């Protein structure tokens, strides 16, 4: 996966951070030199898949807006969260990703300027199905 750093792609980091896959948790925690539990409590939120899969949660970087978290790190986000824009907790002031070397899977897989995910046209239903399949068996591990 080749990630893009153009203005259109970085704008996603200022609106809605990308979701992780389970293996991202270990990589990001190691990169930050903290435990997985500290990563979850200080930087990530749980996002319900919704619909008939609302029992499945994804992890994603928390969103910041106006100097505060839109939902507390470590928490399950409220319903309005998906509709609120917020800056990724890992996006530094100069619009550079502070964890670029180990950034979340969706950040690497999505190219906003081409509107693609994993090199294919971005289709929300397909992307949601992809993340549900990755998180289904990890629900108890990150509570």
Protein backbone atom coordinates (compact mmCIF):
# COMPACT_ATOMS: atom_id res chain seq x y z
CA UNK A 1 0.00 0.00 0.00
CA UNK A 2 1.40 3.35 -1.02
CA UNK A 3 0.03 6.14 1.13
CA UNK A 4 -0.48 9.60 -0.27
CA UNK A 5 0.32 12.82 1.57
CA UNK A 6 -1.50 15.28 -0.68
CA UNK A 7 -3.84 17.90 0.77
CA UNK A 8 -6.97 15.86 -0.06
CA UNK A 9 -5.64 12.78 1.69
CA UNK A 10 -4.37 14.67 4.75
CA UNK A 11 -7.73 16.43 5.04
CA UNK A 12 -9.16 13.06 6.14
CA UNK A 13 -6.79 13.22 9.14
CA UNK A 14 -8.31 16.57 10.06
CA UNK A 15 -11.89 15.25 9.79
CA UNK A 16 -12.18 11.56 10.59
CA UNK A 17 -9.20 9.39 11.59
CA UNK A 18 -8.83 5.96 10.00
CA UNK A 19 -9.70 2.75 11.80
CA UNK A 20 -7.20 0.22 13.02
CA UNK A 21 -7.06 -3.50 12.43
CA UNK A 22 -6.17 -5.61 15.48
CA UNK A 23 -2.46 -5.96 14.57
CA UNK A 24 -2.12 -2.14 14.48
CA UNK A 25 -2.60 -1.95 18.24
CA UNK A 26 0.61 -3.82 19.06
CA UNK A 27 2.64 -1.91 16.43
CA UNK A 28 1.46 1.54 17.51
CA UNK A 29 1.93 0.79 21.22
CA UNK A 30 5.48 -0.45 20.59
CA UNK A 31 6.24 2.60 18.42
CA UNK A 32 5.05 4.92 21.22
CA UNK A 33 6.83 2.78 23.84
CA UNK A 34 3.65 2.29 25.87
CA UNK A 35 1.46 -0.70 26.69
CA UNK A 36 -1.56 -1.63 24.59
CA UNK A 37 -3.73 -0.77 27.58
CA UNK A 38 -2.15 2.72 27.78
CA UNK A 39 -2.68 3.19 24.05
CA UNK A 40 -6.37 2.36 24.36
CA UNK A 41 -6.88 4.52 27.44
CA UNK A 42 -4.99 7.55 26.16
CA UNK A 43 -5.41 7.65 22.40
CA UNK A 44 -8.09 5.34 20.98
CA UNK A 45 -11.87 5.09 20.97
CA UNK A 46 -14.25 2.20 20.29
CA UNK A 47 -16.64 2.69 17.37
CA UNK A 48 -19.68 0.40 17.03
CA UNK A 49 -20.12 -1.12 13.58
CA UNK A 50 -23.84 -0.31 13.65
CA UNK A 51 -26.89 -2.05 12.28
CA UNK A 52 -27.09 -5.79 12.88
CA UNK A 53 -23.36 -5.75 13.75
CA UNK A 54 -23.64 -3.17 16.56
CA UNK A 55 -22.06 -5.68 18.98
CA UNK A 56 -18.80 -5.40 17.00
CA UNK A 57 -16.53 -2.46 17.77
CA UNK A 58 -13.54 -1.08 15.88
CA UNK A 59 -10.70 0.90 17.38
CA UNK A 60 -9.68 4.26 15.92
CA UNK A 61 -7.62 7.24 17.00
CA UNK A 62 -9.65 9.69 19.07
CA UNK A 63 -10.81 12.94 17.45
CA UNK A 64 -9.80 16.33 18.84
CA UNK A 65 -11.81 19.50 18.31
CA UNK A 66 -11.35 22.82 20.03
CA UNK A 67 -8.59 21.44 22.25
CA UNK A 68 -10.65 18.59 23.67
CA UNK A 69 -11.58 15.02 22.77
CA UNK A 70 -14.96 14.62 21.04
CA UNK A 71 -15.28 11.38 23.02
CA UNK A 72 -12.96 10.38 25.84
CA UNK A 73 -10.07 8.16 24.85
CA UNK A 74 -10.79 4.59 25.95
CA UNK A 75 -14.55 5.04 25.65
CA UNK A 76 -17.18 3.80 23.23
CA UNK A 77 -18.21 6.79 21.14
CA UNK A 78 -21.71 8.28 21.30
CA UNK A 79 -24.01 8.10 18.29
CA UNK A 80 -23.27 11.66 17.10
CA UNK A 81 -19.49 11.00 16.94
CA UNK A 82 -19.45 9.71 13.34
CA UNK A 83 -21.05 12.95 12.11
CA UNK A 84 -18.62 15.28 13.90
CA UNK A 85 -15.36 16.33 12.28
CA UNK A 86 -12.29 16.20 14.47
CA UNK A 87 -8.52 16.12 14.14
CA UNK A 88 -6.77 12.78 14.66
CA UNK A 89 -5.02 12.64 18.01
CA UNK A 90 -1.85 11.56 16.16
CA UNK A 91 -1.86 14.46 13.67
CA UNK A 92 0.86 16.92 14.71
CA UNK A 93 0.46 20.70 14.42
CA UNK A 94 2.31 20.82 11.09
CA UNK A 95 -0.20 18.30 9.63
CA UNK A 96 2.25 15.43 9.79
CA UNK A 97 1.33 12.06 11.25
CA UNK A 98 3.28 11.48 14.46
CA UNK A 99 2.97 7.70 13.98
CA UNK A 100 3.40 7.66 10.20
CA UNK A 101 5.74 4.65 10.26
CA UNK A 102 3.00 2.52 11.91
CA UNK A 103 -0.15 4.44 11.03
CA UNK A 104 -3.57 2.77 11.24
CA UNK A 105 -4.49 0.37 8.46
CA UNK A 106 -7.30 2.49 7.05
CA UNK A 107 -4.99 5.52 6.84
CA UNK A 108 -2.59 3.53 4.69
CA UNK A 109 -5.30 1.83 2.62
CA UNK A 110 -7.38 4.92 1.82
CA UNK A 111 -6.44 7.46 -0.84
CA UNK A 112 -8.81 10.41 -0.69
CA UNK A 113 -7.53 12.00 -3.88
CA UNK A 114 -8.41 8.85 -5.81
CA UNK A 115 -11.33 7.86 -3.52
CA UNK A 116 -9.97 4.32 -3.22
CA UNK A 117 -9.51 1.73 -0.48
CA UNK A 118 -6.86 -0.94 -1.09
CA UNK A 119 -6.59 0.31 -4.66
CA UNK A 120 -10.30 -0.24 -5.45
CA UNK A 121 -13.10 2.35 -5.63
CA UNK A 122 -14.18 3.26 -2.10
CA UNK A 123 -17.54 1.74 -1.26
CA UNK A 124 -18.63 2.32 2.31
CA UNK A 125 -20.43 -1.03 2.61
CA UNK A 126 -17.37 -2.95 1.37
CA UNK A 127 -15.04 -1.07 3.72
CA UNK A 128 -17.37 -1.66 6.67
CA UNK A 129 -17.54 -5.38 5.83
CA UNK A 130 -13.74 -5.49 5.65
CA UNK A 131 -13.36 -4.04 9.17
CA UNK A 132 -16.14 -6.20 10.63
CA UNK A 133 -14.33 -9.29 9.36
CA UNK A 134 -11.07 -8.14 10.96
CA UNK A 135 -12.56 -7.23 14.37
CA UNK A 136 -15.19 -9.95 14.84
CA UNK A 137 -13.02 -12.29 16.93
CA UNK A 138 -11.21 -9.56 18.94
CA UNK A 139 -14.16 -8.04 20.79
CA UNK A 140 -13.14 -9.24 24.27
CA UNK A 141 -9.46 -8.40 23.89
CA UNK A 142 -9.80 -4.58 23.82
CA UNK A 143 -12.55 -3.85 26.35
